[in-house]
Amino acid sequence: GDDVAIVMLEVGDYHSGIKCEYLYLPCWDVEIQKALCRLGVETIQPCVTTLDCHVMSEEVYRIFTEVYPLSEHMGTLNNLVRSYTGFDDQGRDAFHAIVEMVQPKTPEDIAVLADNFYEFTVVPGLKTPTEYGRYMIINSGHYDFDENLEEYIDFKGYGEHRIQIENGRFTDYGYIAYRGCTPAMEELLRQNDSQSMKMGGM
C-alpha cells in the first residue's frame, strides 16, 4: 500500500524472551506509542531497531542506520518517509542527487533537504554550461524561441550567466541549483560550501 519503510523493534534477550513489533512508515505517532506499549517500554531507546527501506539511497540509509542510532531519530525518519510518498521515480532520483551534492551529515539535515526539495531546480542529464543555456532558452518554456535565430545565440555565455547567478552545480545526475530562501536550507548549503573549501585547501 502506502508503506515506504518498515522498522522492526526488538526488546529482551534469549533468556527472558524477545518481543518484536513492526512499524509501517509513514505512520501516526499514536501507532508508535501503541507498539511501545505492547513491548512494555516507554521509549524506543531500549529497542534494537532494524530498518527496511528500498527506496532510500545508500547514503541516506547509512546515515540513519550506521552514523546515527535510528532509535533516537524515529520521528525524523517518519517525516522523511512521508516526504518520499510525494516523490515519483524522477523526483526520488533528483532528491538523491541533491543529497549527494549537499552531503548532509545528520538525519535532520536530510529532513531539511526533503522539506525544501521543491525549492531546487534539477535538470537531469546536463553536463555543460552550453547544454544548460540551450535548455533554458529552448526547452524550459520561459522564452519564445525562434529556431531561425539558433545559430546566433550564445548558449554557453547565457548558461554560464545563469549558473553564476543561481550558484548552480553540475553533478553526475545533471544540473542542480537552489532557488529558495529558507534560512535552515541556506545554512546547510553554507556549511557544505565551507567544507568544500576546506577540502580544496587541503
N, C-alpha and C. Protein backbone atom coordinates (compact mmCIF):
# COMPACT_ATOMS: atom_id res chain seq x y z
N GLY A 1 0.82 -1.19 0.00
CA GLY A 1 0.00 0.00 0.00
C GLY A 1 0.85 1.23 0.00
N ASP A 2 0.59 2.12 0.96
CA ASP A 2 1.32 3.38 1.05
C ASP A 2 2.58 3.26 1.90
N ASP A 3 2.88 2.08 2.40
CA ASP A 3 4.06 1.90 3.24
C ASP A 3 5.32 2.09 2.42
N VAL A 4 6.25 2.89 2.95
CA VAL A 4 7.52 3.13 2.28
C VAL A 4 8.66 2.43 3.00
N ALA A 5 8.55 2.32 4.31
CA ALA A 5 9.62 1.70 5.10
C ALA A 5 9.01 0.87 6.23
N ILE A 6 9.78 -0.12 6.66
CA ILE A 6 9.38 -0.96 7.79
C ILE A 6 10.50 -0.91 8.83
N VAL A 7 10.14 -0.65 10.07
CA VAL A 7 11.10 -0.66 11.16
C VAL A 7 10.70 -1.77 12.13
N MET A 8 11.63 -2.67 12.40
CA MET A 8 11.40 -3.73 13.38
C MET A 8 11.99 -3.30 14.72
N LEU A 9 11.18 -3.38 15.78
CA LEU A 9 11.61 -3.07 17.14
C LEU A 9 11.70 -4.35 17.95
N GLU A 10 12.81 -4.54 18.63
CA GLU A 10 13.01 -5.74 19.46
C GLU A 10 13.48 -5.34 20.85
N VAL A 11 12.93 -6.01 21.85
CA VAL A 11 13.40 -5.84 23.22
C VAL A 11 13.53 -7.22 23.86
N GLY A 12 14.37 -7.29 24.90
CA GLY A 12 14.55 -8.56 25.60
C GLY A 12 15.79 -9.29 25.12
N ASP A 13 15.95 -10.51 25.63
CA ASP A 13 17.08 -11.36 25.22
C ASP A 13 16.60 -12.80 25.18
N TYR A 14 17.50 -13.70 24.87
CA TYR A 14 17.12 -15.10 24.70
C TYR A 14 16.72 -15.75 26.02
N HIS A 15 17.19 -15.19 27.13
CA HIS A 15 16.84 -15.76 28.43
C HIS A 15 15.45 -15.31 28.88
N SER A 16 15.18 -14.02 28.74
CA SER A 16 13.89 -13.50 29.19
C SER A 16 12.83 -13.55 28.10
N GLY A 17 13.27 -13.77 26.88
CA GLY A 17 12.34 -13.78 25.76
C GLY A 17 12.41 -12.48 24.96
N ILE A 18 12.32 -12.59 23.66
CA ILE A 18 12.40 -11.42 22.79
C ILE A 18 11.01 -11.05 22.29
N LYS A 19 10.66 -9.79 22.47
CA LYS A 19 9.41 -9.27 21.92
C LYS A 19 9.72 -8.45 20.68
N CYS A 20 8.84 -8.52 19.71
CA CYS A 20 9.08 -7.86 18.44
C CYS A 20 7.81 -7.15 17.96
N GLU A 21 7.98 -5.93 17.45
CA GLU A 21 6.88 -5.18 16.85
C GLU A 21 7.37 -4.56 15.54
N TYR A 22 6.44 -4.33 14.63
CA TYR A 22 6.78 -3.71 13.35
C TYR A 22 6.06 -2.38 13.19
N LEU A 23 6.78 -1.38 12.71
CA LEU A 23 6.20 -0.08 12.37
C LEU A 23 6.23 0.07 10.85
N TYR A 24 5.09 0.37 10.28
CA TYR A 24 4.99 0.56 8.83
C TYR A 24 4.88 2.06 8.56
N LEU A 25 5.98 2.62 8.06
CA LEU A 25 6.09 4.07 7.90
C LEU A 25 5.69 4.51 6.50
N PRO A 26 5.08 5.72 6.38
CA PRO A 26 4.81 6.67 7.47
C PRO A 26 3.60 6.25 8.31
N CYS A 27 3.66 6.61 9.57
CA CYS A 27 2.56 6.25 10.46
C CYS A 27 2.30 7.40 11.43
N TRP A 28 1.18 7.31 12.14
CA TRP A 28 0.86 8.31 13.15
C TRP A 28 1.67 8.03 14.42
N ASP A 29 1.93 9.08 15.19
CA ASP A 29 2.69 8.92 16.43
C ASP A 29 2.00 7.95 17.38
N VAL A 30 0.67 7.93 17.37
CA VAL A 30 -0.05 7.04 18.28
C VAL A 30 0.24 5.58 17.95
N GLU A 31 0.51 5.27 16.69
CA GLU A 31 0.85 3.89 16.33
C GLU A 31 2.18 3.48 16.92
N ILE A 32 3.12 4.43 16.97
CA ILE A 32 4.41 4.15 17.59
C ILE A 32 4.23 3.90 19.08
N GLN A 33 3.41 4.74 19.72
CA GLN A 33 3.16 4.58 21.15
C GLN A 33 2.49 3.26 21.48
N LYS A 34 1.56 2.83 20.64
CA LYS A 34 0.90 1.54 20.85
C LYS A 34 1.89 0.40 20.75
N ALA A 35 2.80 0.47 19.78
CA ALA A 35 3.81 -0.58 19.62
C ALA A 35 4.71 -0.64 20.84
N LEU A 36 5.09 0.53 21.37
CA LEU A 36 5.94 0.55 22.57
C LEU A 36 5.20 -0.02 23.77
N CYS A 37 3.92 0.26 23.89
CA CYS A 37 3.13 -0.30 24.99
C CYS A 37 3.09 -1.82 24.91
N ARG A 38 2.93 -2.34 23.72
CA ARG A 38 2.90 -3.80 23.56
C ARG A 38 4.24 -4.42 23.90
N LEU A 39 5.32 -3.66 23.70
CA LEU A 39 6.65 -4.15 24.03
C LEU A 39 6.97 -3.96 25.51
N GLY A 40 6.18 -3.14 26.21
CA GLY A 40 6.41 -2.91 27.62
C GLY A 40 7.50 -1.89 27.90
N VAL A 41 7.76 -0.97 26.98
CA VAL A 41 8.76 0.08 27.17
C VAL A 41 8.10 1.43 26.93
N GLU A 42 8.73 2.49 27.46
CA GLU A 42 8.16 3.82 27.32
C GLU A 42 8.73 4.59 26.14
N THR A 43 9.97 4.27 25.76
CA THR A 43 10.62 4.96 24.64
C THR A 43 11.24 3.94 23.70
N ILE A 44 11.69 4.40 22.55
CA ILE A 44 12.30 3.49 21.57
C ILE A 44 13.75 3.18 21.93
N GLN A 45 14.38 4.03 22.75
CA GLN A 45 15.81 3.89 23.03
C GLN A 45 16.24 2.48 23.45
N PRO A 46 15.47 1.77 24.30
CA PRO A 46 15.93 0.43 24.69
C PRO A 46 15.82 -0.62 23.57
N CYS A 47 15.14 -0.27 22.50
CA CYS A 47 14.85 -1.25 21.45
C CYS A 47 16.02 -1.40 20.48
N VAL A 48 16.18 -2.61 20.01
CA VAL A 48 17.06 -2.85 18.86
C VAL A 48 16.22 -2.57 17.62
N THR A 49 16.71 -1.69 16.74
CA THR A 49 15.92 -1.26 15.58
C THR A 49 16.55 -1.76 14.28
N THR A 50 15.71 -2.19 13.36
CA THR A 50 16.16 -2.62 12.04
C THR A 50 15.29 -1.94 10.99
N LEU A 51 15.93 -1.25 10.04
CA LEU A 51 15.21 -0.50 9.02
C LEU A 51 15.24 -1.25 7.69
N ASP A 52 14.08 -1.37 7.07
CA ASP A 52 13.97 -1.96 5.74
C ASP A 52 13.30 -0.92 4.84
N CYS A 53 14.07 -0.34 3.92
CA CYS A 53 13.53 0.69 3.03
C CYS A 53 14.29 0.65 1.71
N HIS A 54 13.61 0.20 0.66
CA HIS A 54 14.28 0.00 -0.63
C HIS A 54 14.30 1.26 -1.49
N VAL A 55 13.57 2.29 -1.11
CA VAL A 55 13.54 3.50 -1.93
C VAL A 55 14.64 4.48 -1.56
N MET A 56 15.29 4.30 -0.42
CA MET A 56 16.35 5.21 0.00
C MET A 56 17.64 4.93 -0.75
N SER A 57 18.42 5.99 -0.95
CA SER A 57 19.77 5.80 -1.47
C SER A 57 20.65 5.22 -0.37
N GLU A 58 21.78 4.67 -0.75
CA GLU A 58 22.68 4.06 0.23
C GLU A 58 23.14 5.09 1.26
N GLU A 59 23.38 6.34 0.82
CA GLU A 59 23.87 7.36 1.73
C GLU A 59 22.82 7.73 2.77
N VAL A 60 21.57 7.90 2.35
CA VAL A 60 20.51 8.22 3.29
C VAL A 60 20.33 7.07 4.29
N TYR A 61 20.31 5.85 3.78
CA TYR A 61 20.16 4.68 4.64
C TYR A 61 21.30 4.59 5.64
N ARG A 62 22.51 4.86 5.19
CA ARG A 62 23.70 4.75 6.05
C ARG A 62 23.63 5.75 7.20
N ILE A 63 23.21 6.98 6.92
CA ILE A 63 23.16 8.00 7.97
C ILE A 63 22.15 7.62 9.04
N PHE A 64 21.04 7.02 8.64
CA PHE A 64 20.00 6.66 9.61
C PHE A 64 20.31 5.36 10.35
N THR A 65 21.15 4.51 9.81
CA THR A 65 21.36 3.20 10.43
C THR A 65 22.77 2.98 10.96
N GLU A 66 23.77 3.68 10.40
CA GLU A 66 25.15 3.45 10.82
C GLU A 66 25.76 4.66 11.51
N VAL A 67 25.54 5.84 10.96
CA VAL A 67 26.18 7.04 11.52
C VAL A 67 25.48 7.48 12.79
N TYR A 68 24.14 7.40 12.82
CA TYR A 68 23.36 7.80 13.99
C TYR A 68 22.44 6.66 14.40
N PRO A 69 22.16 6.54 15.70
CA PRO A 69 21.23 5.48 16.15
C PRO A 69 19.81 5.79 15.70
N LEU A 70 19.22 4.87 14.98
CA LEU A 70 17.86 5.06 14.48
C LEU A 70 16.87 5.30 15.62
N SER A 71 17.11 4.67 16.76
CA SER A 71 16.18 4.78 17.89
C SER A 71 16.04 6.23 18.38
N GLU A 72 17.03 7.07 18.10
CA GLU A 72 16.98 8.46 18.55
C GLU A 72 16.44 9.40 17.47
N HIS A 73 16.13 8.87 16.30
CA HIS A 73 15.71 9.73 15.20
C HIS A 73 14.49 9.14 14.49
N MET A 74 13.64 8.45 15.23
CA MET A 74 12.48 7.81 14.61
C MET A 74 11.50 8.85 14.06
N GLY A 75 11.31 9.94 14.81
CA GLY A 75 10.41 10.99 14.33
C GLY A 75 10.91 11.61 13.03
N THR A 76 12.21 11.84 12.96
CA THR A 76 12.80 12.41 11.74
C THR A 76 12.64 11.45 10.58
N LEU A 77 12.87 10.17 10.84
CA LEU A 77 12.71 9.16 9.79
C LEU A 77 11.26 9.11 9.31
N ASN A 78 10.33 9.15 10.23
CA ASN A 78 8.92 9.09 9.87
C ASN A 78 8.53 10.27 8.97
N ASN A 79 9.03 11.47 9.31
CA ASN A 79 8.75 12.65 8.48
C ASN A 79 9.41 12.53 7.11
N LEU A 80 10.63 12.01 7.08
CA LEU A 80 11.32 11.84 5.80
C LEU A 80 10.58 10.86 4.91
N VAL A 81 10.15 9.75 5.49
CA VAL A 81 9.42 8.75 4.72
C VAL A 81 8.12 9.34 4.18
N ARG A 82 7.50 10.21 4.96
CA ARG A 82 6.29 10.89 4.48
C ARG A 82 6.60 11.73 3.25
N SER A 83 7.78 12.35 3.21
CA SER A 83 8.18 13.11 2.03
C SER A 83 8.37 12.19 0.83
N TYR A 84 8.90 11.00 1.07
CA TYR A 84 9.11 10.04 -0.03
C TYR A 84 7.80 9.67 -0.71
N THR A 85 6.71 9.67 0.04
CA THR A 85 5.42 9.31 -0.57
C THR A 85 5.00 10.31 -1.63
N GLY A 86 5.57 11.52 -1.59
CA GLY A 86 5.23 12.53 -2.59
C GLY A 86 6.13 12.53 -3.80
N PHE A 87 7.17 11.67 -3.80
CA PHE A 87 8.10 11.62 -4.92
C PHE A 87 7.65 10.58 -5.94
N ASP A 88 7.70 10.93 -7.22
CA ASP A 88 7.64 9.89 -8.25
C ASP A 88 9.07 9.41 -8.47
N ASP A 89 9.28 8.51 -9.42
CA ASP A 89 10.61 7.94 -9.62
C ASP A 89 11.64 9.02 -9.95
N GLN A 90 11.27 9.96 -10.82
CA GLN A 90 12.20 11.01 -11.20
C GLN A 90 12.47 11.94 -10.02
N GLY A 91 11.44 12.25 -9.25
CA GLY A 91 11.61 13.10 -8.08
C GLY A 91 12.52 12.46 -7.04
N ARG A 92 12.36 11.15 -6.85
CA ARG A 92 13.21 10.45 -5.89
C ARG A 92 14.67 10.47 -6.33
N ASP A 93 14.90 10.24 -7.63
CA ASP A 93 16.27 10.29 -8.14
C ASP A 93 16.87 11.69 -8.00
N ALA A 94 16.04 12.71 -8.26
CA ALA A 94 16.51 14.08 -8.11
C ALA A 94 16.84 14.39 -6.65
N PHE A 95 16.02 13.92 -5.73
CA PHE A 95 16.28 14.14 -4.32
C PHE A 95 17.59 13.50 -3.90
N HIS A 96 17.84 12.30 -4.35
CA HIS A 96 19.09 11.62 -4.00
C HIS A 96 20.29 12.33 -4.62
N ALA A 97 20.11 12.93 -5.80
CA ALA A 97 21.19 13.71 -6.41
C ALA A 97 21.49 14.95 -5.57
N ILE A 98 20.44 15.57 -5.02
CA ILE A 98 20.63 16.73 -4.14
C ILE A 98 21.36 16.30 -2.87
N VAL A 99 20.99 15.16 -2.31
CA VAL A 99 21.67 14.64 -1.12
C VAL A 99 23.14 14.42 -1.42
N GLU A 100 23.44 13.85 -2.57
CA GLU A 100 24.84 13.58 -2.93
C GLU A 100 25.62 14.88 -3.09
N MET A 101 24.97 15.91 -3.64
CA MET A 101 25.65 17.19 -3.83
C MET A 101 25.88 17.91 -2.50
N VAL A 102 24.85 17.98 -1.66
CA VAL A 102 24.94 18.75 -0.42
C VAL A 102 25.73 18.01 0.65
N GLN A 103 25.70 16.69 0.62
CA GLN A 103 26.40 15.85 1.60
C GLN A 103 25.97 16.16 3.03
N PRO A 104 24.70 15.95 3.35
CA PRO A 104 24.22 16.19 4.72
C PRO A 104 24.91 15.25 5.70
N LYS A 105 25.05 15.72 6.93
CA LYS A 105 25.78 14.94 7.93
C LYS A 105 24.87 14.26 8.95
N THR A 106 23.64 14.75 9.11
CA THR A 106 22.76 14.23 10.14
C THR A 106 21.40 13.88 9.55
N PRO A 107 20.61 13.06 10.25
CA PRO A 107 19.24 12.80 9.80
C PRO A 107 18.41 14.07 9.66
N GLU A 108 18.64 15.03 10.56
CA GLU A 108 17.88 16.28 10.49
C GLU A 108 18.24 17.07 9.24
N ASP A 109 19.51 17.02 8.83
CA ASP A 109 19.92 17.69 7.59
C ASP A 109 19.18 17.10 6.39
N ILE A 110 19.05 15.78 6.36
CA ILE A 110 18.35 15.12 5.26
C ILE A 110 16.88 15.53 5.25
N ALA A 111 16.29 15.64 6.44
CA ALA A 111 14.89 16.06 6.53
C ALA A 111 14.70 17.48 6.01
N VAL A 112 15.67 18.36 6.29
CA VAL A 112 15.61 19.73 5.78
C VAL A 112 15.63 19.72 4.25
N LEU A 113 16.48 18.90 3.67
CA LEU A 113 16.54 18.79 2.21
C LEU A 113 15.21 18.31 1.64
N ALA A 114 14.62 17.32 2.28
CA ALA A 114 13.35 16.79 1.79
C ALA A 114 12.24 17.82 1.91
N ASP A 115 12.22 18.57 3.01
CA ASP A 115 11.18 19.58 3.22
C ASP A 115 11.28 20.70 2.20
N ASN A 116 12.49 20.95 1.69
CA ASN A 116 12.71 22.06 0.76
C ASN A 116 13.06 21.59 -0.65
N PHE A 117 12.71 20.35 -0.94
CA PHE A 117 13.07 19.74 -2.23
C PHE A 117 12.58 20.57 -3.41
N TYR A 118 11.36 21.10 -3.32
CA TYR A 118 10.78 21.80 -4.46
C TYR A 118 11.32 23.22 -4.63
N GLU A 119 12.27 23.63 -3.78
CA GLU A 119 12.95 24.90 -3.98
C GLU A 119 14.20 24.73 -4.83
N PHE A 120 14.49 23.50 -5.24
CA PHE A 120 15.64 23.23 -6.09
C PHE A 120 15.22 23.13 -7.56
N THR A 121 16.11 23.59 -8.43
CA THR A 121 15.99 23.31 -9.85
C THR A 121 16.91 22.13 -10.16
N VAL A 122 16.35 21.07 -10.70
CA VAL A 122 17.13 19.88 -11.03
C VAL A 122 16.81 19.50 -12.48
N VAL A 123 17.83 19.51 -13.33
CA VAL A 123 17.65 19.15 -14.73
C VAL A 123 18.56 17.96 -15.04
N PRO A 124 18.01 16.76 -15.13
CA PRO A 124 18.87 15.58 -15.33
C PRO A 124 19.54 15.59 -16.69
N GLY A 125 20.74 15.02 -16.73
CA GLY A 125 21.43 14.79 -17.99
C GLY A 125 22.33 15.90 -18.47
N LEU A 126 22.23 17.09 -17.89
CA LEU A 126 23.05 18.21 -18.36
C LEU A 126 24.44 18.15 -17.75
N LYS A 127 25.46 18.47 -18.57
CA LYS A 127 26.84 18.37 -18.11
C LYS A 127 27.64 19.65 -18.32
N THR A 128 27.18 20.56 -19.19
CA THR A 128 27.98 21.74 -19.54
C THR A 128 27.12 23.00 -19.50
N PRO A 129 27.77 24.18 -19.37
CA PRO A 129 27.03 25.44 -19.44
C PRO A 129 26.29 25.60 -20.77
N THR A 130 26.87 25.12 -21.86
CA THR A 130 26.21 25.22 -23.16
C THR A 130 24.90 24.46 -23.15
N GLU A 131 24.90 23.25 -22.59
CA GLU A 131 23.67 22.45 -22.53
C GLU A 131 22.63 23.12 -21.64
N TYR A 132 23.07 23.75 -20.56
CA TYR A 132 22.11 24.41 -19.68
C TYR A 132 21.54 25.65 -20.35
N GLY A 133 22.40 26.42 -21.02
CA GLY A 133 21.91 27.59 -21.74
C GLY A 133 20.91 27.21 -22.82
N ARG A 134 21.18 26.15 -23.55
CA ARG A 134 20.25 25.67 -24.58
C ARG A 134 18.95 25.21 -23.95
N TYR A 135 19.05 24.49 -22.83
CA TYR A 135 17.84 24.03 -22.14
C TYR A 135 16.98 25.21 -21.71
N MET A 136 17.60 26.23 -21.09
CA MET A 136 16.84 27.36 -20.58
C MET A 136 16.14 28.12 -21.71
N ILE A 137 16.83 28.31 -22.83
CA ILE A 137 16.29 29.13 -23.91
C ILE A 137 15.28 28.35 -24.76
N ILE A 138 15.56 27.08 -25.01
CA ILE A 138 14.72 26.31 -25.93
C ILE A 138 13.68 25.46 -25.22
N ASN A 139 14.09 24.78 -24.14
CA ASN A 139 13.24 23.75 -23.56
C ASN A 139 12.51 24.12 -22.27
N SER A 140 12.95 25.17 -21.60
CA SER A 140 12.37 25.46 -20.28
C SER A 140 10.97 26.04 -20.36
N GLY A 141 10.62 26.63 -21.49
CA GLY A 141 9.32 27.27 -21.62
C GLY A 141 9.28 28.69 -21.11
N HIS A 142 10.43 29.22 -20.67
CA HIS A 142 10.49 30.59 -20.16
C HIS A 142 10.56 31.62 -21.28
N TYR A 143 10.95 31.19 -22.47
CA TYR A 143 11.17 32.13 -23.56
C TYR A 143 10.46 31.66 -24.83
N ASP A 144 10.09 32.65 -25.67
CA ASP A 144 9.60 32.34 -27.01
C ASP A 144 10.83 32.20 -27.92
N PHE A 145 11.03 31.01 -28.44
CA PHE A 145 12.25 30.72 -29.19
C PHE A 145 11.95 30.63 -30.68
N ASP A 146 12.76 31.35 -31.47
CA ASP A 146 12.68 31.29 -32.92
C ASP A 146 13.86 30.46 -33.41
N GLU A 147 13.60 29.28 -33.96
CA GLU A 147 14.67 28.38 -34.36
C GLU A 147 15.54 28.98 -35.46
N ASN A 148 15.06 29.98 -36.18
CA ASN A 148 15.87 30.63 -37.20
C ASN A 148 17.01 31.45 -36.62
N LEU A 149 16.91 31.73 -35.30
CA LEU A 149 17.95 32.52 -34.64
C LEU A 149 18.95 31.66 -33.86
N GLU A 150 18.79 30.36 -33.92
CA GLU A 150 19.60 29.48 -33.08
C GLU A 150 21.10 29.68 -33.28
N GLU A 151 21.53 29.83 -34.52
CA GLU A 151 22.96 29.94 -34.77
C GLU A 151 23.55 31.25 -34.26
N TYR A 152 22.71 32.21 -33.91
CA TYR A 152 23.20 33.50 -33.43
C TYR A 152 23.19 33.60 -31.90
N ILE A 153 22.68 32.59 -31.25
CA ILE A 153 22.53 32.65 -29.80
C ILE A 153 23.77 32.06 -29.11
N ASP A 154 24.26 32.76 -28.11
CA ASP A 154 25.41 32.31 -27.32
C ASP A 154 24.89 31.47 -26.15
N PHE A 155 24.62 30.19 -26.42
CA PHE A 155 24.08 29.32 -25.37
C PHE A 155 25.06 29.17 -24.21
N LYS A 156 26.33 29.05 -24.52
CA LYS A 156 27.33 28.87 -23.47
C LYS A 156 27.39 30.09 -22.56
N GLY A 157 27.42 31.28 -23.17
CA GLY A 157 27.50 32.50 -22.38
C GLY A 157 26.29 32.68 -21.49
N TYR A 158 25.09 32.38 -22.04
CA TYR A 158 23.89 32.50 -21.23
C TYR A 158 23.86 31.46 -20.13
N GLY A 159 24.30 30.23 -20.46
CA GLY A 159 24.36 29.18 -19.46
C GLY A 159 25.29 29.53 -18.32
N GLU A 160 26.47 30.07 -18.64
CA GLU A 160 27.43 30.47 -17.61
C GLU A 160 26.86 31.59 -16.75
N HIS A 161 26.12 32.52 -17.38
CA HIS A 161 25.49 33.61 -16.62
C HIS A 161 24.46 33.07 -15.65
N ARG A 162 23.61 32.15 -16.10
CA ARG A 162 22.60 31.58 -15.23
C ARG A 162 23.23 30.80 -14.08
N ILE A 163 24.24 30.03 -14.38
CA ILE A 163 24.91 29.23 -13.35
C ILE A 163 25.51 30.12 -12.28
N GLN A 164 26.08 31.24 -12.70
CA GLN A 164 26.70 32.15 -11.74
C GLN A 164 25.68 32.78 -10.81
N ILE A 165 24.58 33.27 -11.36
CA ILE A 165 23.60 33.95 -10.52
C ILE A 165 22.80 32.95 -9.68
N GLU A 166 22.70 31.68 -10.13
CA GLU A 166 21.97 30.66 -9.38
C GLU A 166 22.87 29.88 -8.44
N ASN A 167 24.21 30.08 -8.58
CA ASN A 167 25.17 29.28 -7.82
C ASN A 167 24.91 27.79 -8.03
N GLY A 168 24.67 27.43 -9.28
CA GLY A 168 24.34 26.04 -9.61
C GLY A 168 25.58 25.18 -9.78
N ARG A 169 25.36 23.89 -9.84
CA ARG A 169 26.46 22.93 -9.98
C ARG A 169 26.05 21.79 -10.90
N PHE A 170 27.04 21.24 -11.57
CA PHE A 170 26.81 20.04 -12.37
C PHE A 170 27.23 18.82 -11.54
N THR A 171 26.39 17.81 -11.55
CA THR A 171 26.66 16.56 -10.83
C THR A 171 26.57 15.41 -11.81
N ASP A 172 26.81 14.20 -11.33
CA ASP A 172 26.66 13.02 -12.19
C ASP A 172 25.23 12.89 -12.69
N TYR A 173 24.27 13.41 -11.91
CA TYR A 173 22.86 13.31 -12.28
C TYR A 173 22.46 14.38 -13.29
N GLY A 174 23.05 15.57 -13.18
CA GLY A 174 22.70 16.68 -14.05
C GLY A 174 22.97 18.00 -13.36
N TYR A 175 22.21 19.03 -13.73
CA TYR A 175 22.41 20.37 -13.17
C TYR A 175 21.48 20.56 -11.97
N ILE A 176 22.04 21.14 -10.87
CA ILE A 176 21.27 21.38 -9.66
C ILE A 176 21.54 22.78 -9.15
N ALA A 177 20.47 23.50 -8.82
CA ALA A 177 20.62 24.83 -8.23
C ALA A 177 19.52 25.04 -7.20
N TYR A 178 19.88 25.71 -6.11
CA TYR A 178 18.89 26.03 -5.08
C TYR A 178 18.32 27.40 -5.37
N ARG A 179 16.98 27.50 -5.46
CA ARG A 179 16.33 28.76 -5.86
C ARG A 179 15.45 29.32 -4.74
N GLY A 180 15.54 28.76 -3.55
CA GLY A 180 14.69 29.20 -2.46
C GLY A 180 15.38 30.18 -1.53
N CYS A 181 14.76 30.43 -0.38
CA CYS A 181 15.31 31.37 0.60
C CYS A 181 15.01 30.92 2.03
N THR A 182 14.88 29.61 2.25
CA THR A 182 14.61 29.10 3.59
C THR A 182 15.88 29.17 4.43
N PRO A 183 15.86 29.83 5.60
CA PRO A 183 17.07 30.01 6.40
C PRO A 183 17.79 28.70 6.72
N ALA A 184 17.04 27.67 7.14
CA ALA A 184 17.67 26.40 7.50
C ALA A 184 18.38 25.77 6.30
N MET A 185 17.77 25.90 5.13
CA MET A 185 18.36 25.35 3.93
C MET A 185 19.60 26.12 3.51
N GLU A 186 19.54 27.43 3.61
CA GLU A 186 20.69 28.25 3.25
C GLU A 186 21.87 28.00 4.20
N GLU A 187 21.58 27.78 5.46
CA GLU A 187 22.63 27.48 6.44
C GLU A 187 23.29 26.14 6.10
N LEU A 188 22.49 25.16 5.71
CA LEU A 188 23.02 23.85 5.35
C LEU A 188 23.92 23.95 4.13
N LEU A 189 23.53 24.76 3.15
CA LEU A 189 24.35 24.94 1.95
C LEU A 189 25.64 25.69 2.28
N ARG A 190 25.56 26.66 3.18
CA ARG A 190 26.77 27.38 3.59
C ARG A 190 27.76 26.43 4.27
N GLN A 191 27.26 25.54 5.10
CA GLN A 191 28.14 24.56 5.75
C GLN A 191 28.80 23.67 4.72
N ASN A 192 28.04 23.29 3.70
CA ASN A 192 28.58 22.44 2.64
C ASN A 192 29.66 23.18 1.86
N ASP A 193 29.40 24.46 1.53
CA ASP A 193 30.39 25.26 0.79
C ASP A 193 31.65 25.43 1.60
N SER A 194 31.50 25.66 2.92
CA SER A 194 32.65 25.83 3.80
C SER A 194 33.48 24.56 3.85
N GLN A 195 32.80 23.41 3.94
CA GLN A 195 33.50 22.13 3.99
C GLN A 195 34.22 21.88 2.67
N SER A 196 33.59 22.23 1.54
CA SER A 196 34.21 22.03 0.23
C SER A 196 35.47 22.86 0.09
N MET A 197 35.43 24.13 0.60
CA MET A 197 36.60 24.99 0.52
C MET A 197 37.74 24.45 1.37
N LYS A 198 37.39 23.89 2.56
CA LYS A 198 38.44 23.32 3.41
C LYS A 198 39.10 22.13 2.74
N MET A 199 38.29 21.28 2.10
CA MET A 199 38.83 20.11 1.42
C MET A 199 39.69 20.55 0.23
N GLY A 200 39.26 21.61 -0.46
CA GLY A 200 40.04 22.11 -1.59
C GLY A 200 41.37 22.65 -1.11
N GLY A 201 41.37 23.33 0.04
CA GLY A 201 42.60 23.86 0.57
C GLY A 201 43.57 22.77 0.97
N MET A 202 43.00 21.64 1.50
CA MET A 202 43.87 20.53 1.87
C MET A 202 44.50 19.93 0.62
